[in-house]
Amino acid sequence: MVRTAEDPGNIHLVRIGRFQWLLEVVGSLLWLLRSWRSAVVFAAGGATSMAFWYLHRWIVARMLTPSIRMRWVYGFLAVVKLALLALFLRAIMDLFPLEVIPVATGIPLFSAAILLEAFFLIFRPEED
């Protein structure tokens, strides 16, 4: 079996996913110091954020196809993904109306992971 070189951009995407898992665990443990409900809500918001990220990666990777019809299908799925994210976060807020801060810190988990990847690249630049 012949192995081809891995896409260099994919390495960054995988690392961002790993940073998200790390932030999810650390954040949940820190919110557990406040209350178990806060930890659960943060974990749910973080899980929603990670689901958004992985679904986004899956959709965008398939959107790069020569078929115009399939591009429209995956573009529609991208919009549906945003609607599902909003509905899930609305359900979390309905179940835990007093836990606004934990869910608000769990949602931008993917953004924080992207920033961690940027800092990682500052201190460990890639060799060409």
Protein backbone atom coordinates (compact mmCIF):
# COMPACT_ATOMS: atom_id res chain seq x y z
CA MET A 1 0.00 0.00 0.00
CA VAL A 2 1.42 3.35 -1.05
CA ARG A 3 1.03 6.19 1.45
CA THR A 4 0.70 9.67 0.09
CA ALA A 5 1.92 12.73 1.92
CA GLU A 6 -0.66 14.12 4.30
CA ASP A 7 -2.17 17.49 3.50
CA PRO A 8 -0.29 20.06 5.62
CA GLY A 9 -3.51 21.97 6.30
CA ASN A 10 -5.10 18.83 7.73
CA ILE A 11 -2.40 18.70 10.42
CA HIS A 12 -3.58 22.07 11.71
CA LEU A 13 -7.22 20.99 11.66
CA VAL A 14 -6.42 17.86 13.64
CA ARG A 15 -4.41 19.87 16.17
CA ILE A 16 -7.29 22.34 16.56
CA GLY A 17 -9.60 19.40 17.29
CA ARG A 18 -7.21 18.12 19.94
CA PHE A 19 -7.01 21.56 21.53
CA GLN A 20 -10.81 21.58 21.70
CA TRP A 21 -10.84 18.28 23.59
CA LEU A 22 -8.22 19.62 25.99
CA LEU A 23 -10.16 22.84 26.58
CA GLU A 24 -13.37 20.85 27.07
CA VAL A 25 -11.84 18.71 29.82
CA VAL A 26 -10.00 21.56 31.57
CA GLY A 27 -13.01 23.89 31.36
CA SER A 28 -15.41 21.26 32.69
CA LEU A 29 -13.12 20.58 35.64
CA LEU A 30 -12.82 24.28 36.38
CA TRP A 31 -16.59 24.80 36.20
CA LEU A 32 -17.01 21.80 38.47
CA LEU A 33 -15.41 23.93 41.20
CA ARG A 34 -18.46 26.19 41.01
CA SER A 35 -21.18 23.53 40.67
CA TRP A 36 -21.96 20.31 38.89
CA ARG A 37 -24.71 22.06 36.89
CA SER A 38 -22.23 24.64 35.60
CA ALA A 39 -19.84 21.86 34.57
CA VAL A 40 -22.62 20.00 32.74
CA VAL A 41 -23.77 23.14 30.92
CA PHE A 42 -20.20 24.06 29.95
CA ALA A 43 -19.63 20.50 28.70
CA ALA A 44 -22.86 20.64 26.68
CA GLY A 45 -21.89 23.99 25.15
CA GLY A 46 -18.39 22.70 24.44
CA ALA A 47 -19.75 19.50 22.89
CA THR A 48 -22.00 21.62 20.69
CA SER A 49 -19.00 23.69 19.68
CA MET A 50 -16.98 20.58 18.82
CA ALA A 51 -19.89 19.06 16.89
CA PHE A 52 -20.13 22.33 14.94
CA TRP A 53 -16.39 22.22 14.19
CA TYR A 54 -16.27 18.58 13.05
CA LEU A 55 -19.46 18.91 11.01
CA HIS A 56 -18.04 22.07 9.43
CA ARG A 57 -14.83 20.22 8.49
CA TRP A 58 -16.82 17.36 6.99
CA ILE A 59 -19.10 19.64 4.96
CA VAL A 60 -16.35 21.94 3.65
CA ALA A 61 -14.14 19.01 2.64
CA ARG A 62 -16.97 17.61 0.52
CA MET A 63 -17.97 21.00 -0.84
CA LEU A 64 -14.71 21.09 -2.83
CA THR A 65 -16.13 19.01 -5.65
CA PRO A 66 -16.43 19.80 -9.36
CA SER A 67 -20.18 19.05 -9.25
CA ILE A 68 -22.19 22.26 -8.95
CA ARG A 69 -25.22 20.36 -7.64
CA MET A 70 -23.22 18.80 -4.84
CA ARG A 71 -21.78 22.19 -3.92
CA TRP A 72 -25.34 23.46 -3.49
CA VAL A 73 -26.25 20.42 -1.41
CA TYR A 74 -23.30 20.92 0.92
CA GLY A 75 -23.93 24.68 1.02
CA PHE A 76 -27.48 23.93 2.15
CA LEU A 77 -26.11 21.53 4.76
CA ALA A 78 -23.85 24.33 6.05
CA VAL A 79 -26.93 26.49 6.66
CA VAL A 80 -28.77 23.58 8.30
CA LYS A 81 -25.72 23.06 10.53
CA LEU A 82 -26.05 26.62 11.83
CA ALA A 83 -29.77 26.14 12.47
CA LEU A 84 -29.11 22.92 14.40
CA LEU A 85 -26.48 24.69 16.48
CA ALA A 86 -28.95 27.46 17.36
CA LEU A 87 -31.69 24.96 18.24
CA PHE A 88 -29.40 22.89 20.44
CA LEU A 89 -28.14 25.96 22.31
CA ARG A 90 -31.72 27.14 22.75
CA ALA A 91 -32.58 23.75 24.30
CA ILE A 92 -29.63 24.04 26.69
CA MET A 93 -30.79 27.49 27.78
CA ASP A 94 -34.36 26.22 28.27
CA LEU A 95 -33.10 23.39 30.50
CA PHE A 96 -30.61 25.52 32.46
CA PRO A 97 -31.84 29.14 32.33
CA LEU A 98 -29.62 30.30 35.21
CA GLU A 99 -26.39 28.94 33.72
CA VAL A 100 -25.76 31.58 31.04
CA ILE A 101 -22.05 32.13 31.72
CA PRO A 102 -20.97 28.45 31.47
CA VAL A 103 -22.79 27.95 28.16
CA ALA A 104 -21.45 31.27 26.87
CA THR A 105 -17.88 30.15 27.64
CA GLY A 106 -18.43 26.69 26.16
CA ILE A 107 -19.75 27.87 22.81
CA PRO A 108 -16.58 29.64 21.56
CA LEU A 109 -14.43 26.60 22.34
CA PHE A 110 -13.51 26.17 18.67
CA SER A 111 -12.40 29.82 18.49
CA ALA A 112 -10.20 29.37 21.55
CA ALA A 113 -8.69 26.23 20.00
CA ILE A 114 -7.91 28.14 16.80
CA LEU A 115 -6.14 30.81 18.88
CA LEU A 116 -4.16 28.11 20.70
CA GLU A 117 -3.10 26.70 17.34
CA ALA A 118 -1.98 30.19 16.28
CA PHE A 119 0.11 30.58 19.45
CA PHE A 120 1.51 27.08 18.91
CA LEU A 121 2.63 28.09 15.42
CA ILE A 122 4.25 31.27 16.76
CA PHE A 123 6.51 29.29 19.06
CA ARG A 124 6.95 26.23 16.83
CA PRO A 125 6.89 27.41 13.22
CA GLU A 126 6.74 24.76 10.56
CA GLU A 127 9.81 23.84 8.57
CA ASP A 128 9.42 24.10 4.78
